[in-house]
Amino acid sequence: MAGITTQFFESTGRVSFIATAKGFPMSQPYPPDGKNPYRSPVQPGQAPAYLNQPAMQGDKTGGIIPYKNPHALIGYYLGIVGLLPILGMPFGIAAIVLGIMGLRNRARNPIIKGSVHAVIAICCGAFSLLCGGILSLGLISVLLTQK
């Protein structure tokens, strides 16, 4: 007989509703064959399947600093330094080259991180070349028009 029974717990002041299905009295929580439909497929003492896969080594820093991809990391720092006016153009070129090398390292070995650092290195390097070029052209035009 299906139904809902209630229990009141005086210690907590809560009411619990317990549903019973037809053919499954409250004293028998599982179907008559004894198999628990909600049982874990992993037997006690066994490790889950995802733990049996080969371990991949990640970064000790949680992937924030890509120390296993030095091209991307150094390119990132050079890209930031490359934002300095005039002096930054050589650093910008180096940042672009190292950023591309960092992306290639990441593509060859997905365990190492640093793709974001490499992209930032390329973007900062390109921006520093663009700004440095415009600034250099401006200085040259000012110097030529003064005579």
Protein backbone atom coordinates (compact mmCIF):
# COMPACT_ATOMS: atom_id res chain seq x y z
CA MET A 1 0.00 0.00 0.00
CA ALA A 2 1.42 3.34 -1.02
CA GLY A 3 1.22 6.26 1.28
CA ILE A 4 2.99 8.98 3.18
CA THR A 5 3.66 8.75 6.87
CA THR A 6 4.84 11.56 9.07
CA GLN A 7 7.09 11.57 12.09
CA PHE A 8 7.47 14.44 14.54
CA PHE A 9 10.80 14.76 16.34
CA GLU A 10 10.31 16.54 19.63
CA SER A 11 14.04 17.15 20.15
CA THR A 12 14.37 19.22 16.97
CA GLY A 13 10.77 20.25 16.42
CA ARG A 14 10.86 19.01 12.84
CA VAL A 15 8.41 16.90 10.90
CA SER A 16 9.71 14.17 8.59
CA PHE A 17 7.66 12.83 5.71
CA ILE A 18 8.35 9.25 4.62
CA ALA A 19 6.86 7.94 1.40
CA THR A 20 6.21 4.24 1.01
CA ALA A 21 5.69 2.63 -2.37
CA LYS A 22 3.32 -0.19 -3.11
CA GLY A 23 4.99 -3.50 -2.32
CA PHE A 24 7.89 -1.92 -0.39
CA PRO A 25 7.05 -1.57 3.26
CA MET A 26 9.22 0.68 5.41
CA SER A 27 10.97 -2.27 7.00
CA GLN A 28 12.34 -3.34 3.61
CA PRO A 29 14.30 -0.44 2.02
CA TYR A 30 15.36 -2.33 -1.14
CA PRO A 31 13.43 -4.35 -3.72
CA PRO A 32 12.74 -8.01 -2.88
CA ASP A 33 15.72 -9.25 -4.94
CA GLY A 34 18.05 -7.49 -2.47
CA LYS A 35 19.86 -5.35 -5.05
CA ASN A 36 20.25 -1.70 -4.16
CA PRO A 37 19.54 0.38 -7.28
CA TYR A 38 21.44 3.31 -5.76
CA ARG A 39 24.59 1.32 -4.95
CA SER A 40 27.90 2.61 -6.28
CA PRO A 41 29.35 0.58 -9.16
CA VAL A 42 32.70 0.65 -7.32
CA GLN A 43 33.14 -2.19 -4.86
CA PRO A 44 34.50 -1.38 -1.38
CA GLY A 45 38.29 -1.32 -1.46
CA GLN A 46 38.45 -0.54 -5.20
CA ALA A 47 39.55 2.78 -6.61
CA PRO A 48 37.20 4.58 -9.02
CA ALA A 49 38.10 4.27 -12.71
CA TYR A 50 39.15 7.90 -13.03
CA LEU A 51 41.86 7.34 -10.42
CA ASN A 52 43.38 4.47 -12.42
CA GLN A 53 44.29 6.77 -15.30
CA PRO A 54 47.92 7.80 -15.72
CA ALA A 55 48.73 10.82 -13.62
CA MET A 56 49.47 14.04 -15.42
CA GLN A 57 51.78 16.42 -13.70
CA GLY A 58 50.48 19.93 -13.42
CA ASP A 59 51.95 23.13 -12.13
CA LYS A 60 52.74 23.46 -8.46
CA THR A 61 51.54 27.05 -8.61
CA GLY A 62 48.08 26.04 -9.81
CA GLY A 63 48.84 27.11 -13.38
CA ILE A 64 49.19 30.81 -12.57
CA ILE A 65 52.92 31.01 -13.30
CA PRO A 66 53.91 28.81 -16.24
CA TYR A 67 57.38 27.88 -14.97
CA LYS A 68 57.45 24.84 -17.27
CA ASN A 69 57.08 27.11 -20.30
CA PRO A 70 59.94 29.61 -19.95
CA HIS A 71 59.47 31.05 -23.45
CA ALA A 72 55.95 32.19 -22.60
CA LEU A 73 56.96 33.50 -19.18
CA ILE A 74 60.01 35.47 -20.35
CA GLY A 75 58.07 36.72 -23.39
CA TYR A 76 55.34 37.95 -21.04
CA TYR A 77 57.82 39.93 -18.96
CA LEU A 78 59.55 41.33 -22.04
CA GLY A 79 56.17 42.33 -23.45
CA ILE A 80 55.44 44.33 -20.31
CA VAL A 81 58.90 45.97 -20.43
CA GLY A 82 58.36 46.58 -24.13
CA LEU A 83 55.59 49.03 -23.32
CA LEU A 84 58.23 51.61 -22.36
CA PRO A 85 58.43 54.34 -24.99
CA ILE A 86 61.24 54.14 -27.58
CA LEU A 87 63.37 51.72 -25.52
CA GLY A 88 60.68 49.07 -25.70
CA MET A 89 60.89 48.26 -29.39
CA PRO A 90 63.68 45.64 -29.10
CA PHE A 91 61.88 44.10 -26.13
CA GLY A 92 58.67 44.04 -28.16
CA ILE A 93 60.35 42.08 -30.95
CA ALA A 94 61.78 39.59 -28.44
CA ALA A 95 58.36 39.30 -26.75
CA ILE A 96 56.66 38.41 -30.04
CA VAL A 97 59.28 35.77 -30.89
CA LEU A 98 59.21 34.21 -27.41
CA GLY A 99 55.40 34.34 -27.32
CA ILE A 100 55.19 32.35 -30.55
CA MET A 101 57.74 29.86 -29.20
CA GLY A 102 55.68 29.57 -26.00
CA LEU A 103 52.52 28.80 -27.97
CA ARG A 104 54.37 26.13 -29.93
CA ASN A 105 55.64 24.56 -26.68
CA ARG A 106 52.09 24.50 -25.33
CA ALA A 107 50.78 22.89 -28.54
CA ARG A 108 53.45 20.17 -28.41
CA ASN A 109 52.96 19.40 -24.72
CA PRO A 110 49.47 20.20 -23.34
CA ILE A 111 50.55 19.46 -19.76
CA ILE A 112 52.56 22.66 -19.58
CA LYS A 113 50.59 25.85 -19.25
CA GLY A 114 51.36 29.35 -20.43
CA SER A 115 49.19 29.92 -23.48
CA VAL A 116 47.69 33.05 -21.90
CA HIS A 117 51.14 34.40 -21.04
CA ALA A 118 52.28 33.72 -24.61
CA VAL A 119 49.28 35.51 -26.13
CA ILE A 120 49.81 38.49 -23.80
CA ALA A 121 53.50 38.54 -24.81
CA ILE A 122 52.55 38.63 -28.50
CA CYS A 123 49.91 41.34 -27.97
CA CYS A 124 52.13 43.54 -25.81
CA GLY A 125 55.04 43.08 -28.20
CA ALA A 126 52.93 44.02 -31.21
CA PHE A 127 51.49 47.02 -29.35
CA SER A 128 54.95 48.20 -28.34
CA LEU A 129 56.17 47.88 -31.95
CA LEU A 130 53.16 49.81 -33.20
CA CYS A 131 53.48 52.58 -30.62
CA GLY A 132 57.27 52.69 -30.92
CA GLY A 133 57.01 52.91 -34.71
CA ILE A 134 54.46 55.72 -34.56
CA LEU A 135 56.55 57.56 -31.98
CA SER A 136 59.72 57.10 -34.02
CA LEU A 137 58.02 58.37 -37.19
CA GLY A 138 56.70 61.34 -35.26
CA LEU A 139 60.15 62.18 -33.92
CA ILE A 140 61.73 61.82 -37.35
CA SER A 141 59.10 64.09 -38.92
CA VAL A 142 59.59 66.71 -36.19
CA LEU A 143 63.36 66.62 -36.64
CA LEU A 144 63.08 66.94 -40.43
CA THR A 145 60.66 69.87 -40.29
CA GLN A 146 62.80 71.91 -37.86
CA LYS A 147 65.51 72.72 -40.44
